[in-house]
Amino acid sequence: MGKLFGTDGVRGIANKELTPELAYKLGRIGAYVLLKEKKQGSVVIGKDTRISGDLLESAMTSGFLSMGINVISLGVLPTPAVAYLTRHLKAECGVVISASHNPAEYNGIKFFNYQGYKLPDEIEDEIENYILNNKDVETRPQGKAIGKLTYLEDATKLYIDYLKTTIQQDLSGLKIAIDAANGAVFRAAPQILKELGAEVHIINQQPDGININLNCGSTHPEVLQKLVEETKADIGVAFDGDADRLIAVDNQCQIVDGDHIMNICGFYLKKHNRLKKDTIVATVMSNIGLDIAMQGQGCHIVKTKVGDRYVLEEMVKQGYSLGGEQSGHIIFLDYNTTGDGLLTALQLMATVKEEGKKLSELAAMMTSYPQILVNAKVKNENKEAYLQDEMIMKEINRIEEIMNGQGRVLIRPSGTEPLVRVMLEGKDQEELNKLAIELAKLIETRLT
């Protein structure tokens, strides 16, 4: 067996790769590594709507209880709600059982530390080392020292009540369309928006354990676009299975992705002196249109590797308050420690309400530039060699000169395949296609 932990916890097909036996071990060893010095403590566990959630939760709960750790079961709840409640309930750690936007047969297990942050690599490595080498720990409390399981009935209400404190106004007068992806937010989203006075139209809110993300949610925004058109909504919001990301649709049925959301919310926060260091953190895959729009508003953009964990690391390290990805993982670090789709939806809606403008008008502040992605097949050992190749670097510089600050070249070696991904961004789609294909051919010629 290879590595257990990926970029977002332990993932796999439930009951095949991610078995109850593995979940039990993750509970036991996780308790040992995370609560080393403590003989007692508590852990909160939340899950999405997948059929395998109960199976994995019960196994993992047994692991924690066998170590003398109390478990608070939160039930079905968005990932960011678990991060918040870990802090709010002063638990030693939090666990989410979810595979986010993946199909129902998959599931995952992710830990949060007591502050609601994902675990650092070295802690995951320590847990992994015990499990992959079949090492158990000797701790076996008996009698009253065995952990207890309790159920928190008002977990959704606690999360909703907290989210309400993050905006200053109600949402009366707004007509909202929601695609809940048959996922973890199916209760919380309509409840909070109705309580805030919005008119709500919702689809995909009848989870049956196997329909999570099925042709719906943030990976299928066309479903939400249709609902916005039918209901003549002011704003549409689509979540993924665990509701840590959001894709919006404006009143003209146009998609408003993570880059546009960051631009709108960044503009609003800057205007009210609440954007720390006047900076947004994005990844190298964010559209250059975001850079140009934010610079026009006197803001800075810091870029990280692809992945919301790298965005978060940079934000924590430098003290920034807003960051995210084009895919809709948006982090408002003043309010939560992870991407939070429902929090992002509220911030976006509150901005629309307070600015007194349509979402389409606010989205138009940023122009998305055309992007073209071409794969160049190379020898596996040569994936990084383009940096040292004079001809390739000369061609990259030539293309960037042609673009004259209104575009860019991004080269990304694949992590899993013998490929180099060539991405070009600029104003002219036809010119981009030609330049990208030529550059990919050059890379193939030089590195195979």
Protein backbone atom coordinates (compact mmCIF):
# COMPACT_ATOMS: atom_id res chain seq x y z
CA MET A 1 0.00 0.00 0.00
CA GLY A 2 1.33 3.46 -0.89
CA LYS A 3 0.74 6.71 0.94
CA LEU A 4 -2.48 7.01 2.93
CA PHE A 5 -2.89 10.77 3.10
CA GLY A 6 -3.34 12.77 -0.09
CA THR A 7 -3.71 16.54 -0.37
CA ASP A 8 -7.11 16.35 1.34
CA GLY A 9 -7.00 13.49 3.82
CA VAL A 10 -7.46 9.76 3.15
CA ARG A 11 -9.64 9.03 0.11
CA GLY A 12 -10.79 5.92 -1.73
CA ILE A 13 -13.73 3.72 -2.70
CA ALA A 14 -15.64 3.09 0.52
CA ASN A 15 -15.52 -0.47 1.90
CA LYS A 16 -12.88 -1.41 -0.68
CA GLU A 17 -9.92 0.97 -0.32
CA LEU A 18 -11.29 3.00 2.57
CA THR A 19 -12.46 0.14 4.79
CA PRO A 20 -14.02 0.21 8.27
CA GLU A 21 -10.85 -1.54 9.51
CA LEU A 22 -8.75 1.37 8.22
CA ALA A 23 -11.21 3.91 9.69
CA TYR A 24 -10.93 2.18 13.10
CA LYS A 25 -7.12 2.39 12.93
CA LEU A 26 -7.27 6.05 11.93
CA GLY A 27 -9.38 6.68 15.02
CA ARG A 28 -7.03 4.82 17.37
CA ILE A 29 -3.74 6.06 15.94
CA GLY A 30 -5.13 9.55 15.29
CA ALA A 31 -6.10 9.76 18.97
CA TYR A 32 -2.66 8.59 20.05
CA VAL A 33 -0.71 11.01 17.83
CA LEU A 34 -2.95 14.05 18.31
CA LEU A 35 -3.64 13.68 22.03
CA LYS A 36 -0.30 12.22 23.12
CA GLU A 37 -0.05 13.82 26.54
CA LYS A 38 -3.77 13.74 27.32
CA LYS A 39 -5.47 10.72 28.81
CA GLN A 40 -8.87 12.24 28.06
CA GLY A 41 -10.32 14.63 25.57
CA SER A 42 -13.04 14.97 22.95
CA VAL A 43 -13.28 14.69 19.19
CA VAL A 44 -16.09 15.97 16.94
CA ILE A 45 -17.10 13.98 13.84
CA GLY A 46 -19.24 15.26 10.97
CA LYS A 47 -20.07 13.68 7.61
CA ASP A 48 -21.75 14.32 4.28
CA THR A 49 -24.75 12.39 2.94
CA ARG A 50 -22.97 9.36 1.40
CA ILE A 51 -24.37 5.94 2.20
CA SER A 52 -20.96 4.84 3.54
CA GLY A 53 -20.79 7.68 6.07
CA ASP A 54 -22.46 5.67 8.87
CA LEU A 55 -20.19 2.68 8.26
CA LEU A 56 -17.00 4.72 8.47
CA GLU A 57 -18.18 6.96 11.29
CA SER A 58 -19.10 4.02 13.54
CA ALA A 59 -15.73 2.33 12.89
CA MET A 60 -13.77 5.50 13.51
CA THR A 61 -15.80 6.32 16.61
CA SER A 62 -14.91 2.86 18.00
CA GLY A 63 -11.24 3.65 17.44
CA PHE A 64 -11.44 6.88 19.41
CA LEU A 65 -13.57 5.38 22.22
CA SER A 66 -11.10 2.49 22.58
CA MET A 67 -8.43 5.10 23.41
CA GLY A 68 -10.55 6.73 26.13
CA ILE A 69 -11.46 9.69 23.91
CA ASN A 70 -15.03 11.02 23.96
CA VAL A 71 -16.74 11.47 20.59
CA ILE A 72 -19.34 14.13 19.77
CA SER A 73 -21.26 13.10 16.65
CA LEU A 74 -22.40 16.16 14.68
CA GLY A 75 -24.37 14.22 12.05
CA VAL A 76 -24.59 15.48 8.47
CA LEU A 77 -22.81 18.82 8.30
CA PRO A 78 -20.64 20.83 5.85
CA THR A 79 -16.86 20.42 6.23
CA PRO A 80 -16.37 24.09 7.25
CA ALA A 81 -19.03 23.67 9.97
CA VAL A 82 -16.94 20.87 11.48
CA ALA A 83 -13.86 23.14 11.43
CA TYR A 84 -15.86 25.87 13.20
CA LEU A 85 -17.42 23.53 15.80
CA THR A 86 -14.03 21.95 16.60
CA ARG A 87 -13.00 25.41 17.85
CA HIS A 88 -16.37 26.37 19.32
CA LEU A 89 -16.71 23.16 21.36
CA LYS A 90 -13.02 23.26 22.35
CA ALA A 91 -12.45 19.73 21.03
CA GLU A 92 -8.95 18.33 20.70
CA CYS A 93 -9.57 17.61 17.02
CA GLY A 94 -12.29 17.37 14.39
CA VAL A 95 -12.95 14.72 11.75
CA VAL A 96 -14.88 15.02 8.48
CA ILE A 97 -16.05 11.92 6.63
CA SER A 98 -16.54 13.11 3.05
CA ALA A 99 -15.11 12.83 -0.46
CA SER A 100 -16.14 16.37 -1.39
CA HIS A 101 -17.13 16.60 -5.10
CA ASN A 102 -16.39 12.91 -5.90
CA PRO A 103 -19.12 10.34 -6.77
CA ALA A 104 -21.02 8.54 -4.00
CA GLU A 105 -18.98 5.32 -4.04
CA TYR A 106 -15.94 7.26 -2.80
CA ASN A 107 -15.44 8.56 0.70
CA GLY A 108 -12.69 10.23 2.69
CA ILE A 109 -11.47 10.97 6.20
CA LYS A 110 -9.93 14.32 7.04
CA PHE A 111 -8.66 15.60 10.39
CA PHE A 112 -8.67 19.13 11.77
CA ASN A 113 -6.48 20.15 14.72
CA TYR A 114 -7.96 21.92 17.76
CA GLN A 115 -7.76 25.27 15.92
CA GLY A 116 -9.78 23.98 12.96
CA TYR A 117 -6.81 23.74 10.56
CA LYS A 118 -5.87 20.74 8.43
CA LEU A 119 -3.06 18.69 9.95
CA PRO A 120 0.54 19.49 8.97
CA ASP A 121 2.31 16.89 6.81
CA GLU A 122 4.55 15.68 9.64
CA ILE A 123 1.53 14.74 11.83
CA GLU A 124 -0.14 12.92 8.92
CA ASP A 125 3.17 11.14 8.24
CA GLU A 126 3.34 9.97 11.86
CA ILE A 127 -0.20 8.54 11.74
CA GLU A 128 0.57 6.95 8.38
CA ASN A 129 3.79 5.38 9.64
CA TYR A 130 1.96 3.51 12.43
CA ILE A 131 -0.81 2.25 10.16
CA LEU A 132 1.26 1.24 7.12
CA ASN A 133 3.72 -0.63 9.34
CA ASN A 134 0.91 -2.35 11.27
CA LYS A 135 2.03 -0.86 14.57
CA ASP A 136 -0.65 -0.58 17.24
CA VAL A 137 -0.41 1.34 20.51
CA GLU A 138 -0.71 -0.26 23.93
CA THR A 139 -3.34 2.09 25.35
CA ARG A 140 -6.44 0.07 26.33
CA PRO A 141 -8.43 1.89 29.02
CA GLN A 142 -11.07 -0.07 30.93
CA GLY A 143 -14.16 0.69 32.98
CA LYS A 144 -15.08 4.32 33.30
CA ALA A 145 -11.91 5.34 31.37
CA ILE A 146 -13.42 4.13 28.06
CA GLY A 147 -14.62 7.01 25.86
CA LYS A 148 -18.29 8.02 25.58
CA LEU A 149 -20.32 8.84 22.46
CA THR A 150 -22.79 11.74 22.49
CA TYR A 151 -24.91 13.28 19.72
CA LEU A 152 -25.10 17.04 19.24
CA GLU A 153 -28.64 17.69 18.03
CA ASP A 154 -28.27 21.42 17.31
CA ALA A 155 -24.99 21.32 15.34
CA THR A 156 -26.58 22.90 12.23
CA LYS A 157 -28.17 25.67 14.32
CA LEU A 158 -24.86 26.51 16.04
CA TYR A 159 -23.17 26.84 12.62
CA ILE A 160 -26.01 28.93 11.16
CA ASP A 161 -26.11 31.23 14.20
CA TYR A 162 -22.39 31.84 13.81
CA LEU A 163 -22.58 32.52 10.06
CA LYS A 164 -25.27 35.14 10.65
CA THR A 165 -22.77 37.16 12.70
CA THR A 166 -20.45 37.47 9.66
CA ILE A 167 -22.73 39.86 7.75
CA GLN A 168 -24.29 43.13 8.90
CA GLN A 169 -27.56 43.06 6.95
CA ASP A 170 -30.47 40.77 6.17
CA LEU A 171 -31.11 39.46 2.66
CA SER A 172 -34.73 40.52 2.24
CA GLY A 173 -35.63 41.44 -1.31
CA LEU A 174 -33.20 38.93 -2.83
CA LYS A 175 -34.44 35.92 -4.76
CA ILE A 176 -31.93 33.07 -4.38
CA ALA A 177 -31.64 29.82 -6.36
CA ILE A 178 -29.75 26.97 -4.66
CA ASP A 179 -28.32 23.69 -5.94
CA ALA A 180 -27.49 21.74 -2.76
CA ALA A 181 -25.84 18.83 -4.68
CA ASN A 182 -27.81 16.38 -2.48
CA GLY A 183 -24.96 16.97 -0.07
CA ALA A 184 -24.05 18.17 3.40
CA VAL A 185 -25.56 21.66 3.03
CA PHE A 186 -29.08 20.49 2.10
CA ARG A 187 -30.52 21.66 5.45
CA ALA A 188 -28.27 24.56 6.38
CA ALA A 189 -28.41 26.55 3.11
CA PRO A 190 -32.18 27.02 2.74
CA GLN A 191 -32.61 27.45 6.50
CA ILE A 192 -30.15 30.33 6.92
CA LEU A 193 -31.24 32.14 3.75
CA LYS A 194 -34.92 31.95 4.73
CA GLU A 195 -34.09 33.14 8.25
CA LEU A 196 -32.25 36.11 6.71
CA GLY A 197 -35.35 37.03 4.71
CA ALA A 198 -34.44 35.84 1.20
CA GLU A 199 -36.90 34.16 -1.17
CA VAL A 200 -35.44 30.68 -1.73
CA HIS A 201 -35.79 28.21 -4.62
CA ILE A 202 -33.86 24.99 -4.06
CA ILE A 203 -33.11 21.83 -6.04
CA ASN A 204 -31.14 18.66 -5.27
CA GLN A 205 -31.92 18.70 -1.57
CA GLN A 206 -33.22 15.14 -1.22
CA PRO A 207 -30.12 13.04 -0.49
CA ASP A 208 -30.61 9.27 -0.60
CA GLY A 209 -27.00 8.27 0.07
CA ILE A 210 -26.08 7.68 -3.56
CA ASN A 211 -27.20 10.84 -5.41
CA ILE A 212 -24.62 13.21 -3.87
CA ASN A 213 -22.94 15.27 -6.67
CA LEU A 214 -24.81 13.20 -9.28
CA ASN A 215 -25.17 15.52 -12.29
CA CYS A 216 -25.63 18.45 -9.96
CA GLY A 217 -23.82 20.90 -7.68
CA SER A 218 -20.75 23.03 -8.33
CA THR A 219 -19.31 20.64 -10.95
CA HIS A 220 -22.52 20.91 -13.04
CA PRO A 221 -23.39 24.64 -12.94
CA GLU A 222 -25.61 24.29 -16.02
CA VAL A 223 -28.30 22.82 -13.71
CA LEU A 224 -28.23 25.96 -11.57
CA GLN A 225 -28.20 28.22 -14.65
CA LYS A 226 -31.48 26.62 -15.72
CA LEU A 227 -33.01 27.17 -12.26
CA VAL A 228 -31.93 30.84 -12.23
CA GLU A 229 -33.54 31.30 -15.63
CA GLU A 230 -36.79 29.57 -14.58
CA THR A 231 -37.15 31.44 -11.26
CA LYS A 232 -35.70 34.77 -12.47
CA ALA A 233 -33.43 34.69 -9.41
CA ASP A 234 -31.04 37.51 -8.48
CA ILE A 235 -28.30 35.06 -7.52
CA GLY A 236 -27.77 31.32 -7.89
CA VAL A 237 -25.40 29.30 -5.68
CA ALA A 238 -24.17 25.74 -6.29
CA PHE A 239 -22.30 23.75 -3.65
CA ASP A 240 -20.27 20.55 -3.80
CA GLY A 241 -20.95 17.48 -1.62
CA ASP A 242 -19.28 18.79 1.53
CA ALA A 243 -20.00 22.49 0.83
CA ASP A 244 -16.44 23.76 1.12
CA ARG A 245 -16.70 25.37 -2.32
CA LEU A 246 -19.16 27.55 -4.19
CA ILE A 247 -19.88 28.42 -7.80
CA ALA A 248 -22.38 31.25 -8.35
CA VAL A 249 -24.63 32.22 -11.26
CA ASP A 250 -25.66 35.84 -11.85
CA ASN A 251 -29.05 37.30 -12.80
CA GLN A 252 -28.17 36.93 -16.50
CA CYS A 253 -27.48 33.19 -15.99
CA GLN A 254 -23.71 33.65 -16.41
CA ILE A 255 -21.33 31.59 -14.26
CA VAL A 256 -19.48 33.54 -11.56
CA ASP A 257 -16.47 31.40 -10.63
CA GLY A 258 -14.07 31.62 -7.68
CA ASP A 259 -11.89 34.26 -9.34
CA HIS A 260 -14.87 36.57 -9.90
CA ILE A 261 -16.15 35.96 -6.37
CA MET A 262 -12.74 36.89 -4.93
CA ASN A 263 -12.66 40.02 -7.07
CA ILE A 264 -16.16 41.13 -5.96
CA CYS A 265 -15.59 40.39 -2.26
CA GLY A 266 -12.02 41.73 -2.37
CA PHE A 267 -13.26 45.00 -3.89
CA TYR A 268 -15.93 45.31 -1.18
CA LEU A 269 -13.54 44.51 1.69
CA LYS A 270 -10.92 46.93 0.34
CA LYS A 271 -13.54 49.67 0.08
CA HIS A 272 -14.36 49.17 3.78
CA ASN A 273 -10.70 48.83 4.88
CA ARG A 274 -11.22 45.18 5.82
CA LEU A 275 -8.92 43.52 3.24
CA LYS A 276 -5.76 42.82 5.23
CA LYS A 277 -2.63 44.20 3.55
CA ASP A 278 -4.83 44.96 0.49
CA THR A 279 -3.93 41.49 -0.78
CA ILE A 280 -5.70 38.44 -2.17
CA VAL A 281 -4.02 35.01 -2.26
CA ALA A 282 -4.80 32.95 -5.39
CA THR A 283 -3.16 30.02 -7.18
CA VAL A 284 -1.14 30.02 -10.38
CA MET A 285 -4.27 28.74 -12.19
CA SER A 286 -6.33 31.85 -11.39
CA ASN A 287 -7.19 33.90 -14.46
CA ILE A 288 -4.91 36.85 -15.27
CA GLY A 289 -8.11 38.90 -15.41
CA LEU A 290 -8.18 38.71 -11.59
CA ASP A 291 -4.66 40.19 -11.37
CA ILE A 292 -5.56 43.02 -13.74
CA ALA A 293 -8.90 43.80 -12.03
CA MET A 294 -7.48 43.80 -8.48
CA GLN A 295 -4.43 45.85 -9.47
CA GLY A 296 -6.86 48.39 -10.96
CA GLN A 297 -8.40 48.66 -7.49
CA GLY A 298 -5.02 49.18 -5.81
CA CYS A 299 -4.75 45.60 -4.51
CA HIS A 300 -1.99 42.99 -4.68
CA ILE A 301 -2.23 39.35 -5.74
CA VAL A 302 0.01 36.66 -4.24
CA LYS A 303 0.13 33.32 -6.13
CA THR A 304 0.69 29.83 -4.71
CA LYS A 305 0.83 26.29 -6.06
CA VAL A 306 -2.53 24.71 -6.98
CA GLY A 307 -4.45 23.54 -3.91
CA ASP A 308 -6.42 25.33 -1.21
CA ARG A 309 -4.00 24.07 1.46
CA TYR A 310 -1.20 26.13 -0.13
CA VAL A 311 -3.46 29.19 -0.29
CA LEU A 312 -4.29 28.76 3.40
CA GLU A 313 -0.63 28.27 4.39
CA GLU A 314 0.33 31.54 2.69
CA MET A 315 -2.59 33.39 4.29
CA VAL A 316 -1.73 32.20 7.80
CA LYS A 317 1.99 32.86 7.33
CA GLN A 318 1.59 36.42 6.03
CA GLY A 319 -1.61 37.46 7.82
CA TYR A 320 -3.89 37.83 4.77
CA SER A 321 -7.68 37.64 5.12
CA LEU A 322 -8.97 36.54 1.68
CA GLY A 323 -7.80 33.83 -0.69
CA GLY A 324 -9.02 30.98 -2.83
CA GLU A 325 -9.19 29.09 -6.09
CA GLN A 326 -11.00 29.47 -9.39
CA SER A 327 -12.88 26.24 -8.53
CA GLY A 328 -14.72 28.06 -5.73
CA HIS A 329 -12.73 27.18 -2.61
CA ILE A 330 -12.76 30.63 -0.96
CA ILE A 331 -11.21 31.26 2.45
CA PHE A 332 -12.34 34.19 4.59
CA LEU A 333 -9.75 33.74 7.33
CA ASP A 334 -11.37 36.33 9.61
CA TYR A 335 -14.31 33.92 9.96
CA ASN A 336 -13.21 30.34 9.25
CA THR A 337 -10.08 28.24 8.83
CA THR A 338 -11.03 26.46 5.63
CA GLY A 339 -12.93 27.02 2.36
CA ASP A 340 -16.58 27.61 3.25
CA GLY A 341 -19.23 27.61 0.51
CA LEU A 342 -22.11 28.88 2.64
CA LEU A 343 -20.02 31.63 4.26
CA THR A 344 -18.85 32.67 0.77
CA ALA A 345 -22.46 32.74 -0.48
CA LEU A 346 -23.46 35.04 2.40
CA GLN A 347 -20.52 37.39 1.81
CA LEU A 348 -21.37 37.58 -1.89
CA MET A 349 -25.08 38.18 -1.26
CA ALA A 350 -24.40 40.81 1.39
CA THR A 351 -22.09 42.63 -1.06
CA VAL A 352 -24.79 42.59 -3.77
CA LYS A 353 -27.35 43.91 -1.26
CA GLU A 354 -25.15 46.66 0.16
CA GLU A 355 -23.76 47.80 -3.20
CA GLY A 356 -27.30 48.00 -4.58
CA LYS A 357 -26.14 46.46 -7.87
CA LYS A 358 -26.98 43.30 -9.80
CA LEU A 359 -24.49 40.44 -9.49
CA SER A 360 -23.90 40.70 -13.26
CA GLU A 361 -22.74 44.32 -12.82
CA LEU A 362 -20.31 43.38 -10.04
CA ALA A 363 -19.03 40.36 -11.99
CA ALA A 364 -18.32 42.65 -14.97
CA MET A 365 -15.60 44.44 -12.94
CA MET A 366 -13.33 41.55 -13.95
CA THR A 367 -12.83 40.30 -17.51
CA SER A 368 -11.86 36.63 -17.77
CA TYR A 369 -9.16 36.21 -20.40
CA PRO A 370 -9.25 33.20 -22.75
CA GLN A 371 -7.12 30.25 -21.62
CA ILE A 372 -5.74 27.39 -23.66
CA LEU A 373 -4.23 24.21 -22.20
CA VAL A 374 -2.11 21.85 -24.32
CA ASN A 375 -0.30 18.74 -23.06
CA ALA A 376 3.25 18.02 -24.22
CA LYS A 377 4.35 14.36 -23.91
CA VAL A 378 7.89 14.12 -22.57
CA LYS A 379 10.16 11.59 -20.88
CA ASN A 380 9.24 11.24 -17.22
CA GLU A 381 12.74 12.18 -16.06
CA ASN A 382 12.67 15.33 -18.24
CA LYS A 383 9.50 16.92 -16.80
CA GLU A 384 11.39 19.68 -14.98
CA ALA A 385 14.11 20.09 -17.61
CA TYR A 386 12.34 22.86 -19.58
CA LEU A 387 13.74 25.39 -17.08
CA GLN A 388 17.28 24.56 -18.16
CA ASP A 389 16.55 24.41 -21.89
CA GLU A 390 17.67 27.63 -23.59
CA MET A 391 15.46 27.27 -26.68
CA ILE A 392 12.30 26.61 -24.64
CA MET A 393 12.96 29.54 -22.28
CA LYS A 394 13.70 31.81 -25.25
CA GLU A 395 10.35 30.88 -26.83
CA ILE A 396 8.50 31.48 -23.54
CA ASN A 397 10.09 34.93 -23.27
CA ARG A 398 9.16 35.67 -26.90
CA ILE A 399 5.50 34.76 -26.28
CA GLU A 400 5.37 36.91 -23.14
CA GLU A 401 6.78 39.86 -25.11
CA ILE A 402 4.01 39.41 -27.71
CA MET A 403 1.42 39.52 -24.91
CA ASN A 404 2.89 42.73 -23.51
CA GLY A 405 1.56 42.36 -19.95
CA GLN A 406 -1.91 41.31 -21.15
CA GLY A 407 -1.33 37.57 -20.87
CA ARG A 408 1.03 34.92 -19.58
CA VAL A 409 2.62 31.51 -20.08
CA LEU A 410 2.32 28.86 -17.37
CA ILE A 411 4.19 25.55 -17.60
CA ARG A 412 3.19 22.81 -15.12
CA PRO A 413 4.80 19.37 -15.09
CA SER A 414 2.17 16.69 -14.33
CA GLY A 415 2.52 15.05 -10.93
CA THR A 416 1.38 11.62 -12.17
CA GLU A 417 1.99 11.36 -15.94
CA PRO A 418 4.92 11.92 -18.36
CA LEU A 419 3.41 15.24 -19.42
CA VAL A 420 4.17 18.94 -19.27
CA ARG A 421 1.02 21.09 -19.30
CA VAL A 422 1.32 24.28 -21.34
CA MET A 423 -1.21 26.95 -20.45
CA LEU A 424 -1.44 30.29 -22.24
CA GLU A 425 -3.70 33.16 -21.33
CA GLY A 426 -4.33 36.31 -23.32
CA LYS A 427 -6.82 38.43 -25.22
CA ASP A 428 -6.86 36.64 -28.59
CA GLN A 429 -8.08 33.00 -28.51
CA GLU A 430 -6.89 32.23 -32.06
CA GLU A 431 -3.38 33.56 -31.40
CA LEU A 432 -3.25 31.65 -28.08
CA ASN A 433 -4.14 28.34 -29.76
CA LYS A 434 -1.38 28.78 -32.35
CA LEU A 435 1.28 29.82 -29.81
CA ALA A 436 0.37 27.08 -27.30
CA ILE A 437 0.49 24.30 -29.89
CA GLU A 438 3.84 25.55 -31.20
CA LEU A 439 5.31 25.75 -27.68
CA ALA A 440 4.02 22.25 -26.77
CA LYS A 441 5.59 20.84 -29.96
CA LEU A 442 8.91 22.50 -29.13
CA ILE A 443 8.85 21.05 -25.58
CA GLU A 444 8.05 17.58 -26.94
CA THR A 445 10.90 17.81 -29.46
CA ARG A 446 13.43 19.00 -26.89
CA LEU A 447 12.46 16.74 -23.96
CA THR A 448 11.69 13.33 -25.51
